[in-house]
Amino acid sequence: MIRLTISLFLFVLCSFTTSARSFITTEPLPNDSFLPKPKLEGAGVCSYTVIIKTSCSSVSYTRDKISIAFGDVYGNEVFVKRLDDPHSRTFEKCSSDTYKISGPCMRDVCYLYLLRQGSDGWKPENVKIYGSSIRSVTFYYNLFLPNSVWYGFNVCNGIANTKSSQPIITASVAAM
């Protein structure tokens, strides 16, 4: 009887855990309502390294404007309006581009969005973000981004909007 009760308890626990995981997005999605947060002064500043790998099945290179926004559950956000540099042929197929980005200190990154604007097209394979104050995280895209739509991931489970007590600033970026 005790074995049956323990087995039933473990089954229920596993079922609950599995259903909780189903809320985590495993593929990037469009977010028509996403707007990067405005710049606020006076926040602590941390440094992040962002490595964007372009897929080997992407176009040779893109002249499209590429923007990035990522943040944590507390509302801290890093936003860079343009990562691309049309003169340096960034985002060539089968290549990685590395950026040092300064922005507000945050907890672990739980959302990331990319925005592509232009007519060339671009297929990012993945985006890796790491810094001294966060755990390294990799977001896997491996699809052509639609034009003029923020596209990405939000695994903050809907609590980012309720925990915005931390200040937010816009980031500065330096290509490496």
C-alpha atoms as a PDB file:
ATOM      1  CA  MET A   1       0.000   0.000   0.000  1.00  0.00           C
ATOM      2  CA  ILE A   2       2.807   2.415   0.854  1.00  0.00           C
ATOM      3  CA  ARG A   3       4.579   1.540  -2.429  1.00  0.00           C
ATOM      4  CA  LEU A   4       1.405   2.268  -4.347  1.00  0.00           C
ATOM      5  CA  THR A   5       0.971   5.608  -2.585  1.00  0.00           C
ATOM      6  CA  ILE A   6       4.604   6.584  -3.258  1.00  0.00           C
ATOM      7  CA  SER A   7       4.305   5.508  -6.907  1.00  0.00           C
ATOM      8  CA  LEU A   8       1.109   7.516  -7.318  1.00  0.00           C
ATOM      9  CA  PHE A   9       2.732  10.547  -5.656  1.00  0.00           C
ATOM     10  CA  LEU A  10       5.758  10.327  -7.973  1.00  0.00           C
ATOM     11  CA  PHE A  11       3.499   9.983 -11.019  1.00  0.00           C
ATOM     12  CA  VAL A  12       1.509  13.089 -10.037  1.00  0.00           C
ATOM     13  CA  LEU A  13       4.721  15.002  -9.294  1.00  0.00           C
ATOM     14  CA  CYS A  14       6.216  14.059 -12.677  1.00  0.00           C
ATOM     15  CA  SER A  15       2.997  14.987 -14.455  1.00  0.00           C
ATOM     16  CA  PHE A  16       2.966  18.408 -12.777  1.00  0.00           C
ATOM     17  CA  THR A  17       6.643  19.010 -13.581  1.00  0.00           C
ATOM     18  CA  THR A  18       6.116  18.049 -17.221  1.00  0.00           C
ATOM     19  CA  SER A  19       3.146  20.370 -17.630  1.00  0.00           C
ATOM     20  CA  ALA A  20       5.090  23.247 -16.031  1.00  0.00           C
ATOM     21  CA  ARG A  21       7.838  22.784 -18.602  1.00  0.00           C
ATOM     22  CA  SER A  22       5.391  23.059 -21.484  1.00  0.00           C
ATOM     23  CA  PHE A  23       5.115  26.815 -20.847  1.00  0.00           C
ATOM     24  CA  ILE A  24       8.766  27.328 -21.757  1.00  0.00           C
ATOM     25  CA  THR A  25       9.119  28.354 -25.399  1.00  0.00           C
ATOM     26  CA  THR A  26      11.626  26.204 -27.244  1.00  0.00           C
ATOM     27  CA  GLU A  27      11.365  27.978 -30.606  1.00  0.00           C
ATOM     28  CA  PRO A  28      11.624  31.690 -31.325  1.00  0.00           C
ATOM     29  CA  LEU A  29       8.347  33.515 -31.821  1.00  0.00           C
ATOM     30  CA  PRO A  30       7.336  36.922 -33.178  1.00  0.00           C
ATOM     31  CA  ASN A  31       6.389  39.577 -30.648  1.00  0.00           C
ATOM     32  CA  ASP A  32       4.451  42.361 -32.372  1.00  0.00           C
ATOM     33  CA  SER A  33       3.886  44.216 -29.102  1.00  0.00           C
ATOM     34  CA  PHE A  34       7.516  44.252 -27.890  1.00  0.00           C
ATOM     35  CA  LEU A  35       9.013  47.708 -27.405  1.00  0.00           C
ATOM     36  CA  PRO A  36      12.515  48.228 -26.003  1.00  0.00           C
ATOM     37  CA  LYS A  37      12.448  50.059 -22.689  1.00  0.00           C
ATOM     38  CA  PRO A  38      13.483  53.729 -22.493  1.00  0.00           C
ATOM     39  CA  LYS A  39      16.843  54.724 -21.089  1.00  0.00           C
ATOM     40  CA  LEU A  40      17.056  55.526 -17.378  1.00  0.00           C
ATOM     41  CA  GLU A  41      20.184  57.013 -15.850  1.00  0.00           C
ATOM     42  CA  GLY A  42      21.896  55.959 -12.649  1.00  0.00           C
ATOM     43  CA  ALA A  43      21.742  52.169 -12.908  1.00  0.00           C
ATOM     44  CA  GLY A  44      24.736  49.970 -12.168  1.00  0.00           C
ATOM     45  CA  VAL A  45      26.589  49.109 -15.359  1.00  0.00           C
ATOM     46  CA  CYS A  46      27.850  45.637 -16.237  1.00  0.00           C
ATOM     47  CA  SER A  47      29.599  44.256 -19.296  1.00  0.00           C
ATOM     48  CA  TYR A  48      28.197  41.465 -21.442  1.00  0.00           C
ATOM     49  CA  THR A  49      29.646  39.514 -24.313  1.00  0.00           C
ATOM     50  CA  VAL A  50      27.212  38.632 -27.074  1.00  0.00           C
ATOM     51  CA  ILE A  51      28.230  36.159 -29.766  1.00  0.00           C
ATOM     52  CA  ILE A  52      25.907  35.875 -32.751  1.00  0.00           C
ATOM     53  CA  LYS A  53      26.510  32.964 -35.082  1.00  0.00           C
ATOM     54  CA  THR A  54      25.072  33.278 -38.581  1.00  0.00           C
ATOM     55  CA  SER A  55      23.853  30.056 -40.176  1.00  0.00           C
ATOM     56  CA  CYS A  56      25.709  28.514 -43.108  1.00  0.00           C
ATOM     57  CA  SER A  57      22.384  28.472 -44.960  1.00  0.00           C
ATOM     58  CA  SER A  58      21.949  32.252 -44.584  1.00  0.00           C
ATOM     59  CA  VAL A  59      22.573  34.750 -47.382  1.00  0.00           C
ATOM     60  CA  SER A  60      26.266  35.491 -48.104  1.00  0.00           C
ATOM     61  CA  TYR A  61      26.047  38.601 -45.932  1.00  0.00           C
ATOM     62  CA  THR A  62      23.352  41.055 -45.002  1.00  0.00           C
ATOM     63  CA  ARG A  63      23.156  44.816 -45.160  1.00  0.00           C
ATOM     64  CA  ASP A  64      19.981  44.724 -43.064  1.00  0.00           C
ATOM     65  CA  LYS A  65      19.765  46.651 -39.812  1.00  0.00           C
ATOM     66  CA  ILE A  66      19.995  44.248 -36.859  1.00  0.00           C
ATOM     67  CA  SER A  67      18.825  45.244 -33.359  1.00  0.00           C
ATOM     68  CA  ILE A  68      18.949  43.244 -30.117  1.00  0.00           C
ATOM     69  CA  ALA A  69      17.174  43.458 -26.765  1.00  0.00           C
ATOM     70  CA  PHE A  70      17.605  41.095 -23.834  1.00  0.00           C
ATOM     71  CA  GLY A  71      16.776  41.214 -20.165  1.00  0.00           C
ATOM     72  CA  ASP A  72      15.949  39.557 -16.898  1.00  0.00           C
ATOM     73  CA  VAL A  73      12.828  38.859 -14.887  1.00  0.00           C
ATOM     74  CA  TYR A  74      13.275  42.091 -12.872  1.00  0.00           C
ATOM     75  CA  GLY A  75      12.860  44.392 -15.874  1.00  0.00           C
ATOM     76  CA  ASN A  76      16.538  45.150 -16.467  1.00  0.00           C
ATOM     77  CA  GLU A  77      17.097  45.363 -20.206  1.00  0.00           C
ATOM     78  CA  VAL A  78      19.940  45.812 -22.641  1.00  0.00           C
ATOM     79  CA  PHE A  79      18.929  47.315 -25.978  1.00  0.00           C
ATOM     80  CA  VAL A  80      21.187  48.039 -28.948  1.00  0.00           C
ATOM     81  CA  LYS A  81      19.491  49.758 -31.871  1.00  0.00           C
ATOM     82  CA  ARG A  82      22.075  48.658 -34.474  1.00  0.00           C
ATOM     83  CA  LEU A  83      24.585  45.848 -34.141  1.00  0.00           C
ATOM     84  CA  ASP A  84      25.297  45.687 -37.848  1.00  0.00           C
ATOM     85  CA  ASP A  85      28.027  47.610 -39.632  1.00  0.00           C
ATOM     86  CA  PRO A  86      27.399  47.789 -43.390  1.00  0.00           C
ATOM     87  CA  HIS A  87      31.053  48.644 -44.015  1.00  0.00           C
ATOM     88  CA  SER A  88      32.494  45.579 -42.264  1.00  0.00           C
ATOM     89  CA  ARG A  89      30.204  42.905 -43.723  1.00  0.00           C
ATOM     90  CA  THR A  90      29.027  41.658 -40.336  1.00  0.00           C
ATOM     91  CA  PHE A  91      26.694  38.679 -40.236  1.00  0.00           C
ATOM     92  CA  GLU A  92      28.326  36.798 -43.115  1.00  0.00           C
ATOM     93  CA  LYS A  93      27.137  33.219 -43.479  1.00  0.00           C
ATOM     94  CA  CYS A  94      29.045  30.591 -41.450  1.00  0.00           C
ATOM     95  CA  SER A  95      30.571  33.283 -39.222  1.00  0.00           C
ATOM     96  CA  SER A  96      30.341  34.554 -35.668  1.00  0.00           C
ATOM     97  CA  ASP A  97      30.276  38.181 -34.616  1.00  0.00           C
ATOM     98  CA  THR A  98      31.258  39.115 -31.063  1.00  0.00           C
ATOM     99  CA  TYR A  99      30.163  42.270 -29.254  1.00  0.00           C
ATOM    100  CA  LYS A 100      31.045  43.744 -25.871  1.00  0.00           C
ATOM    101  CA  ILE A 101      27.913  45.459 -24.632  1.00  0.00           C
ATOM    102  CA  SER A 102      27.539  47.592 -21.512  1.00  0.00           C
ATOM    103  CA  GLY A 103      24.166  47.785 -19.860  1.00  0.00           C
ATOM    104  CA  PRO A 104      22.377  47.511 -16.529  1.00  0.00           C
ATOM    105  CA  CYS A 105      23.506  44.771 -14.198  1.00  0.00           C
ATOM    106  CA  MET A 106      20.958  41.999 -14.251  1.00  0.00           C
ATOM    107  CA  ARG A 107      20.162  38.558 -13.017  1.00  0.00           C
ATOM    108  CA  ASP A 108      20.035  35.675 -15.466  1.00  0.00           C
ATOM    109  CA  VAL A 109      18.824  36.596 -18.955  1.00  0.00           C
ATOM    110  CA  CYS A 110      15.358  35.162 -19.612  1.00  0.00           C
ATOM    111  CA  TYR A 111      14.353  36.938 -22.805  1.00  0.00           C
ATOM    112  CA  LEU A 112      16.040  37.867 -26.052  1.00  0.00           C
ATOM    113  CA  TYR A 113      14.645  39.478 -29.180  1.00  0.00           C
ATOM    114  CA  LEU A 114      16.262  40.307 -32.511  1.00  0.00           C
ATOM    115  CA  LEU A 115      14.902  42.750 -35.082  1.00  0.00           C
ATOM    116  CA  ARG A 116      15.894  42.681 -38.750  1.00  0.00           C
ATOM    117  CA  GLN A 117      15.007  45.584 -41.023  1.00  0.00           C
ATOM    118  CA  GLY A 118      15.910  45.437 -44.701  1.00  0.00           C
ATOM    119  CA  SER A 119      15.547  43.423 -47.869  1.00  0.00           C
ATOM    120  CA  ASP A 120      18.589  41.101 -47.846  1.00  0.00           C
ATOM    121  CA  GLY A 121      17.354  38.566 -45.294  1.00  0.00           C
ATOM    122  CA  TRP A 122      19.359  36.928 -42.521  1.00  0.00           C
ATOM    123  CA  LYS A 123      19.363  33.579 -40.712  1.00  0.00           C
ATOM    124  CA  PRO A 124      20.988  33.600 -37.266  1.00  0.00           C
ATOM    125  CA  GLU A 125      21.889  30.160 -35.953  1.00  0.00           C
ATOM    126  CA  ASN A 126      22.234  31.127 -32.287  1.00  0.00           C
ATOM    127  CA  VAL A 127      22.959  33.958 -29.869  1.00  0.00           C
ATOM    128  CA  LYS A 128      25.126  33.376 -26.797  1.00  0.00           C
ATOM    129  CA  ILE A 129      25.224  35.894 -23.950  1.00  0.00           C
ATOM    130  CA  TYR A 130      27.559  35.816 -20.987  1.00  0.00           C
ATOM    131  CA  GLY A 131      28.887  38.189 -18.367  1.00  0.00           C
ATOM    132  CA  SER A 132      30.330  38.232 -14.867  1.00  0.00           C
ATOM    133  CA  SER A 133      26.939  38.715 -13.186  1.00  0.00           C
ATOM    134  CA  ILE A 134      24.931  36.144 -15.188  1.00  0.00           C
ATOM    135  CA  ARG A 135      25.064  32.520 -16.218  1.00  0.00           C
ATOM    136  CA  SER A 136      25.892  31.947 -19.857  1.00  0.00           C
ATOM    137  CA  VAL A 137      22.816  31.396 -22.001  1.00  0.00           C
ATOM    138  CA  THR A 138      22.370  30.397 -25.645  1.00  0.00           C
ATOM    139  CA  PHE A 139      19.228  31.018 -27.679  1.00  0.00           C
ATOM    140  CA  TYR A 140      18.835  28.884 -30.808  1.00  0.00           C
ATOM    141  CA  TYR A 141      17.144  30.472 -33.835  1.00  0.00           C
ATOM    142  CA  ASN A 142      18.202  28.646 -37.013  1.00  0.00           C
ATOM    143  CA  LEU A 143      15.517  30.311 -39.151  1.00  0.00           C
ATOM    144  CA  PHE A 144      15.270  33.347 -41.404  1.00  0.00           C
ATOM    145  CA  LEU A 145      14.023  36.335 -39.413  1.00  0.00           C
ATOM    146  CA  PRO A 146      10.956  38.107 -40.773  1.00  0.00           C
ATOM    147  CA  ASN A 147      11.357  41.758 -41.712  1.00  0.00           C
ATOM    148  CA  SER A 148      10.518  44.481 -39.160  1.00  0.00           C
ATOM    149  CA  VAL A 149       9.270  42.139 -36.400  1.00  0.00           C
ATOM    150  CA  TRP A 150      10.905  41.573 -33.020  1.00  0.00           C
ATOM    151  CA  TYR A 151      11.542  37.836 -32.990  1.00  0.00           C
ATOM    152  CA  GLY A 152      12.824  35.695 -30.159  1.00  0.00           C
ATOM    153  CA  PHE A 153      12.291  34.108 -26.800  1.00  0.00           C
ATOM    154  CA  ASN A 154      10.699  34.954 -23.472  1.00  0.00           C
ATOM    155  CA  VAL A 155      11.079  32.292 -20.806  1.00  0.00           C
ATOM    156  CA  CYS A 156      10.462  34.684 -17.901  1.00  0.00           C
ATOM    157  CA  ASN A 157       7.052  33.017 -17.363  1.00  0.00           C
ATOM    158  CA  GLY A 158       5.133  36.288 -17.414  1.00  0.00           C
ATOM    159  CA  ILE A 159       6.590  37.753 -14.220  1.00  0.00           C
ATOM    160  CA  ALA A 160       8.920  40.301 -15.840  1.00  0.00           C
ATOM    161  CA  ASN A 161       6.123  42.876 -15.944  1.00  0.00           C
ATOM    162  CA  THR A 162       5.443  42.609 -12.220  1.00  0.00           C
ATOM    163  CA  LYS A 163       9.014  42.931 -10.993  1.00  0.00           C
ATOM    164  CA  SER A 164      10.296  46.150 -12.532  1.00  0.00           C
ATOM    165  CA  SER A 165      11.823  47.716  -9.437  1.00  0.00           C
ATOM    166  CA  GLN A 166      15.313  47.774 -10.951  1.00  0.00           C
ATOM    167  CA  PRO A 167      16.378  50.736 -13.121  1.00  0.00           C
ATOM    168  CA  ILE A 168      16.770  50.221 -16.856  1.00  0.00           C
ATOM    169  CA  ILE A 169      19.298  51.842 -19.177  1.00  0.00           C
ATOM    170  CA  THR A 170      20.068  51.562 -22.853  1.00  0.00           C
ATOM    171  CA  ALA A 171      23.313  49.787 -23.660  1.00  0.00           C
ATOM    172  CA  SER A 172      26.423  50.887 -25.446  1.00  0.00           C
ATOM    173  CA  VAL A 173      28.138  48.447 -27.785  1.00  0.00           C
ATOM    174  CA  ALA A 174      31.590  47.835 -29.170  1.00  0.00           C
ATOM    175  CA  ALA A 175      32.251  45.265 -31.893  1.00  0.00           C
ATOM    176  CA  MET A 176      35.192  42.980 -31.300  1.00  0.00           C
END
